[in-house]
Amino acid sequence: MSDPGRPFRFGAVMSVRGSAREWGESARELEALGYSTLLVPDTLWTPSPFLVLAAAASATTTLRLGTWVLSAPLRRPAEVVRETKTLQSLSEGRFELGIGAGRPGGERDAAALGLEWGSPKERVDRVEATVEAVRSEQSPPIVIAGHGDRMLRLAGRAASTLALPTSPDVDSEQLTALVDRVHDVAGADLELALQITGVGEELPDWLRHQLGLTPEGLRDAGAVLMLTGDVERDASALERLRTQTGVSYFTVPGQFATRLGPLVGRLSGT
């Protein structure tokens, strides 16, 4: 089950608005800190991912650039092919296409754009059609976000990375069970990704205010993705987690990106 030999990767999920110059500066900072990837969500209340990733591409040389994740129901497959080809060219092959069937509440974005959201089956159909269209013309690394059997089978067939769907308070036993299921359905070759929940006494605002979570409560629940802020302790914890589950790719909310720079450098070897 474990894959301790797979190298660590870290991606920073950025959603703030700003100028192209500001995006470029942020991207250069992430590159210098040792992050593998700059990741941008796909919602109507965050910047257009392809545009800001293009700005980041022009300011960096090694940083990878990813959608985290593209909502397949909001775009036709041919549109994604076009954007992928353009960004692959602008970045000289550093683009990673992260894609899923849509986040909870994504139907409001679809309505605002005058698009059909569709049934769960139809949305997965769109993911599959989009992935197949992209792979027919381009070969970027593909990240699938999802947990249903059909999405897992698609990930096993066509993706290099699976973004695991977990709750902020997931503990070691629950995560191990999820990874076992992923391996049963998708195979054991995928890079597995998880998002860091919080650091020390800090949580993203939506976890505090929308879900009512607290750092103390998460620690009491055994949340494996709640870091302490101590580089050595957190490095040891993530190394144990990688050995136990094979998870090696960790995404970091943008507000923690600078603070976690020493940990990222320590584990990514920069």
Protein backbone atom coordinates (compact mmCIF):
# COMPACT_ATOMS: atom_id res chain seq x y z
CA MET A 1 0.00 0.00 0.00
CA SER A 2 2.71 2.49 0.88
CA ASP A 3 5.06 4.11 -1.60
CA PRO A 4 7.78 5.70 0.52
CA GLY A 5 9.99 6.13 -2.54
CA ARG A 6 7.73 8.64 -4.30
CA PRO A 7 9.15 12.15 -3.82
CA PHE A 8 7.26 14.80 -1.93
CA ARG A 9 5.53 17.55 -3.88
CA PHE A 10 3.80 20.65 -2.55
CA GLY A 11 1.32 22.87 -4.34
CA ALA A 12 0.07 26.26 -3.17
CA VAL A 13 -3.61 26.99 -3.83
CA MET A 14 -3.90 30.69 -4.63
CA SER A 15 -7.16 32.55 -5.20
CA VAL A 16 -6.49 36.22 -4.40
CA ARG A 17 -7.14 38.86 -7.02
CA GLY A 18 -4.34 41.08 -8.24
CA SER A 19 -2.40 42.36 -11.22
CA ALA A 20 -0.31 40.21 -13.55
CA ARG A 21 2.76 41.66 -11.89
CA GLU A 22 1.52 40.60 -8.43
CA TRP A 23 0.74 37.09 -9.66
CA GLY A 24 4.20 36.89 -11.17
CA GLU A 25 5.83 37.97 -7.90
CA SER A 26 3.84 35.40 -5.94
CA ALA A 27 4.77 32.69 -8.41
CA ARG A 28 8.47 33.51 -8.17
CA GLU A 29 8.29 33.37 -4.38
CA LEU A 30 6.66 29.93 -4.49
CA GLU A 31 9.30 28.71 -6.94
CA ALA A 32 12.09 29.94 -4.65
CA LEU A 33 10.51 28.29 -1.59
CA GLY A 34 10.51 24.88 -3.29
CA TYR A 35 6.85 24.50 -4.19
CA SER A 36 6.22 22.22 -7.13
CA THR A 37 3.01 23.81 -8.33
CA LEU A 38 0.92 26.96 -8.29
CA LEU A 39 -2.72 25.88 -8.19
CA VAL A 40 -5.76 28.04 -8.97
CA PRO A 41 -9.42 27.15 -8.23
CA ASP A 42 -12.19 27.38 -10.82
CA THR A 43 -15.08 29.39 -9.35
CA LEU A 44 -16.82 32.63 -10.29
CA TRP A 45 -15.52 34.33 -7.14
CA THR A 46 -11.87 33.61 -7.88
CA PRO A 47 -9.77 34.76 -10.87
CA SER A 48 -10.00 32.93 -14.18
CA PRO A 49 -7.46 30.11 -13.72
CA PHE A 50 -6.02 29.98 -17.23
CA LEU A 51 -5.37 33.73 -17.33
CA VAL A 52 -3.55 33.98 -14.01
CA LEU A 53 -1.59 30.80 -14.69
CA ALA A 54 -0.40 32.37 -17.93
CA ALA A 55 0.82 35.38 -15.96
CA ALA A 56 2.63 33.06 -13.56
CA ALA A 57 4.17 31.11 -16.45
CA SER A 58 5.80 34.24 -17.82
CA ALA A 59 7.48 34.96 -14.48
CA THR A 60 8.87 31.49 -13.67
CA THR A 61 11.00 28.76 -15.20
CA THR A 62 10.46 25.57 -13.18
CA LEU A 63 7.22 26.09 -11.23
CA ARG A 64 4.41 23.90 -12.51
CA LEU A 65 0.97 25.43 -13.05
CA GLY A 66 -2.32 23.70 -12.36
CA THR A 67 -6.08 24.12 -12.23
CA TRP A 68 -7.37 22.97 -8.83
CA VAL A 69 -9.65 21.88 -10.13
CA LEU A 70 -11.35 22.77 -13.38
CA SER A 71 -15.12 22.30 -13.18
CA ALA A 72 -15.86 20.17 -16.25
CA PRO A 73 -19.58 21.13 -16.48
CA LEU A 74 -18.64 24.79 -16.99
CA ARG A 75 -16.66 24.25 -20.23
CA ARG A 76 -17.02 22.28 -23.42
CA PRO A 77 -14.22 19.80 -24.05
CA ALA A 78 -12.97 21.71 -27.10
CA GLU A 79 -12.55 24.85 -24.97
CA VAL A 80 -10.39 22.98 -22.47
CA VAL A 81 -8.28 21.53 -25.29
CA ARG A 82 -7.67 25.03 -26.65
CA GLU A 83 -6.77 26.50 -23.26
CA THR A 84 -4.54 23.54 -22.43
CA LYS A 85 -2.64 23.79 -25.71
CA THR A 86 -2.12 27.52 -25.20
CA LEU A 87 -0.92 27.22 -21.61
CA GLN A 88 1.31 24.26 -22.39
CA SER A 89 2.97 26.38 -25.07
CA LEU A 90 3.28 29.50 -22.89
CA SER A 91 4.75 27.53 -19.99
CA GLU A 92 6.94 25.26 -22.13
CA GLY A 93 5.16 22.15 -20.90
CA ARG A 94 4.65 23.02 -17.21
CA PHE A 95 0.84 22.88 -17.13
CA GLU A 96 -1.05 20.23 -15.12
CA LEU A 97 -4.75 19.84 -15.85
CA GLY A 98 -6.70 19.29 -12.65
CA ILE A 99 -10.33 18.47 -13.38
CA GLY A 100 -13.43 17.25 -11.58
CA ALA A 101 -17.20 16.95 -11.89
CA GLY A 102 -17.85 20.16 -9.94
CA ARG A 103 -17.71 21.29 -6.33
CA PRO A 104 -20.73 21.43 -4.00
CA GLY A 105 -22.69 24.54 -4.90
CA GLY A 106 -21.21 24.63 -8.41
CA GLU A 107 -24.70 24.65 -9.87
CA ARG A 108 -24.91 28.34 -8.95
CA ASP A 109 -21.88 29.07 -11.13
CA ALA A 110 -23.49 27.13 -13.97
CA ALA A 111 -26.73 29.11 -13.62
CA ALA A 112 -24.83 32.42 -13.63
CA LEU A 113 -23.11 31.37 -16.86
CA GLY A 114 -26.33 30.15 -18.46
CA LEU A 115 -25.12 26.54 -18.52
CA GLU A 116 -26.74 23.24 -17.64
CA TRP A 117 -25.26 21.71 -14.49
CA GLY A 118 -26.56 18.24 -15.26
CA SER A 119 -27.00 15.09 -13.22
CA PRO A 120 -24.05 13.43 -11.46
CA LYS A 121 -23.81 10.95 -14.34
CA GLU A 122 -23.84 13.72 -16.94
CA ARG A 123 -21.15 15.65 -15.08
CA VAL A 124 -18.88 12.60 -14.93
CA ASP A 125 -19.60 12.05 -18.64
CA ARG A 126 -18.28 15.59 -19.23
CA VAL A 127 -15.12 14.90 -17.22
CA GLU A 128 -14.46 11.75 -19.23
CA ALA A 129 -15.13 13.47 -22.56
CA THR A 130 -12.87 16.37 -21.63
CA VAL A 131 -10.01 14.17 -20.51
CA GLU A 132 -10.26 12.08 -23.67
CA ALA A 133 -10.33 15.21 -25.86
CA VAL A 134 -7.25 16.67 -24.16
CA ARG A 135 -5.32 13.41 -24.31
CA SER A 136 -6.09 13.08 -28.03
CA GLU A 137 -4.13 16.28 -28.75
CA GLN A 138 -1.91 17.00 -25.72
CA SER A 139 -0.16 15.08 -22.97
CA PRO A 140 -0.18 17.24 -19.83
CA PRO A 141 -0.19 15.51 -16.46
CA ILE A 142 -3.84 15.08 -15.50
CA VAL A 143 -5.17 15.31 -11.95
CA ILE A 144 -8.60 13.84 -11.23
CA ALA A 145 -10.56 14.99 -8.19
CA GLY A 146 -13.32 12.60 -7.20
CA HIS A 147 -14.27 9.57 -5.16
CA GLY A 148 -16.97 7.62 -6.99
CA ASP A 149 -16.01 4.32 -8.59
CA ARG A 150 -16.36 5.68 -12.11
CA MET A 151 -14.13 8.68 -11.38
CA LEU A 152 -11.58 6.44 -9.70
CA ARG A 153 -11.52 4.11 -12.69
CA LEU A 154 -11.03 7.12 -14.98
CA ALA A 155 -8.18 8.32 -12.79
CA GLY A 156 -6.54 4.90 -12.92
CA ARG A 157 -6.82 4.92 -16.70
CA ALA A 158 -5.96 8.48 -17.63
CA ALA A 159 -4.51 10.47 -14.72
CA SER A 160 -1.14 10.73 -13.05
CA THR A 161 -2.54 12.14 -9.79
CA LEU A 162 -5.70 11.69 -7.72
CA ALA A 163 -6.83 14.47 -5.38
CA LEU A 164 -8.30 12.52 -2.49
CA PRO A 165 -11.66 13.74 -1.18
CA THR A 166 -11.33 13.94 2.60
CA SER A 167 -12.91 15.92 5.40
CA PRO A 168 -10.72 18.37 7.35
CA ASP A 169 -10.79 16.08 10.40
CA VAL A 170 -9.82 12.86 8.60
CA ASP A 171 -7.76 10.64 10.89
CA SER A 172 -5.15 8.02 10.09
CA GLU A 173 -7.54 5.06 10.14
CA GLN A 174 -10.06 6.75 7.87
CA LEU A 175 -7.36 7.84 5.44
CA THR A 176 -5.87 4.36 5.28
CA ALA A 177 -9.30 2.90 4.49
CA LEU A 178 -9.83 5.46 1.72
CA VAL A 179 -6.44 4.75 0.16
CA ASP A 180 -7.14 1.01 0.27
CA ARG A 181 -10.39 1.62 -1.62
CA VAL A 182 -8.61 3.80 -4.18
CA HIS A 183 -6.07 1.07 -4.80
CA ASP A 184 -8.82 -1.53 -5.16
CA VAL A 185 -10.67 0.51 -7.79
CA ALA A 186 -8.01 2.64 -9.52
CA GLY A 187 -4.83 0.68 -8.95
CA ALA A 188 -1.73 1.60 -6.97
CA ASP A 189 0.18 3.69 -9.51
CA LEU A 190 -1.41 7.09 -8.90
CA GLU A 191 0.28 9.94 -7.08
CA LEU A 192 -2.08 10.80 -4.20
CA ALA A 193 -2.78 14.37 -3.10
CA LEU A 194 -4.24 15.82 0.10
CA GLN A 195 -4.80 19.37 1.31
CA ILE A 196 -3.22 20.64 4.53
CA THR A 197 -6.02 21.67 6.91
CA GLY A 198 -4.27 24.21 9.12
CA VAL A 199 -1.08 25.19 10.91
CA GLY A 200 -0.67 25.75 14.66
CA GLU A 201 -3.64 27.89 15.69
CA GLU A 202 -4.47 28.99 12.14
CA LEU A 203 -7.28 27.69 9.95
CA PRO A 204 -8.74 28.99 6.70
CA ASP A 205 -11.67 31.27 7.48
CA TRP A 206 -14.23 29.01 5.82
CA LEU A 207 -13.35 26.14 8.15
CA ARG A 208 -13.82 28.35 11.20
CA HIS A 209 -16.88 30.30 10.15
CA GLN A 210 -18.76 27.95 7.81
CA LEU A 211 -17.99 24.63 9.46
CA GLY A 212 -17.30 25.85 13.00
CA LEU A 213 -14.02 23.96 13.30
CA THR A 214 -11.21 24.87 15.69
CA PRO A 215 -7.54 23.84 15.79
CA GLU A 216 -8.03 22.28 19.22
CA GLY A 217 -11.04 20.28 18.07
CA LEU A 218 -9.20 19.04 14.99
CA ARG A 219 -6.20 17.95 17.05
CA ASP A 220 -8.50 16.15 19.48
CA ALA A 221 -10.10 14.35 16.52
CA GLY A 222 -6.69 13.11 15.36
CA ALA A 223 -6.78 15.15 12.13
CA VAL A 224 -3.66 14.04 10.27
CA LEU A 225 -3.53 17.17 8.11
CA MET A 226 -3.46 19.64 11.02
CA LEU A 227 0.18 20.69 11.27
CA THR A 228 1.91 22.09 14.35
CA GLY A 229 4.07 24.76 12.72
CA ASP A 230 7.27 23.12 13.99
CA VAL A 231 9.30 22.14 10.94
CA GLU A 232 10.92 19.01 12.36
CA ARG A 233 7.74 17.66 13.94
CA ASP A 234 5.69 18.33 10.83
CA ALA A 235 8.34 16.84 8.54
CA SER A 236 8.37 13.66 10.62
CA ALA A 237 4.56 13.51 10.60
CA LEU A 238 4.33 13.84 6.80
CA GLU A 239 7.11 11.30 6.29
CA ARG A 240 5.19 8.82 8.48
CA LEU A 241 1.99 9.56 6.58
CA ARG A 242 3.72 8.94 3.26
CA THR A 243 5.11 5.63 4.52
CA GLN A 244 1.73 4.52 5.89
CA THR A 245 -0.48 5.59 2.98
CA GLY A 246 1.68 6.50 -0.01
CA VAL A 247 0.36 10.08 -0.05
CA SER A 248 3.21 12.31 -1.26
CA TYR A 249 1.58 15.42 -2.77
CA PHE A 250 0.30 18.03 -0.33
CA THR A 251 -1.58 21.16 -1.29
CA VAL A 252 -1.33 24.22 0.93
CA PRO A 253 -3.92 27.02 1.28
CA GLY A 254 -2.35 30.19 -0.04
CA GLN A 255 -2.47 31.94 3.33
CA PHE A 256 -0.02 29.36 4.71
CA ALA A 257 2.31 29.20 1.71
CA THR A 258 5.06 31.46 3.06
CA ARG A 259 4.84 30.15 6.62
CA LEU A 260 5.26 26.57 5.41
CA GLY A 261 8.15 27.45 3.11
CA PRO A 262 10.81 25.98 5.45
CA LEU A 263 8.86 22.69 5.67
CA VAL A 264 8.43 22.58 1.91
CA GLY A 265 12.13 23.24 1.40
CA ARG A 266 13.05 20.58 3.96
CA LEU A 267 10.96 17.84 2.35
CA SER A 268 11.35 18.81 -1.31
CA GLY A 269 15.12 19.05 -1.01
CA THR A 270 15.47 22.70 -1.99
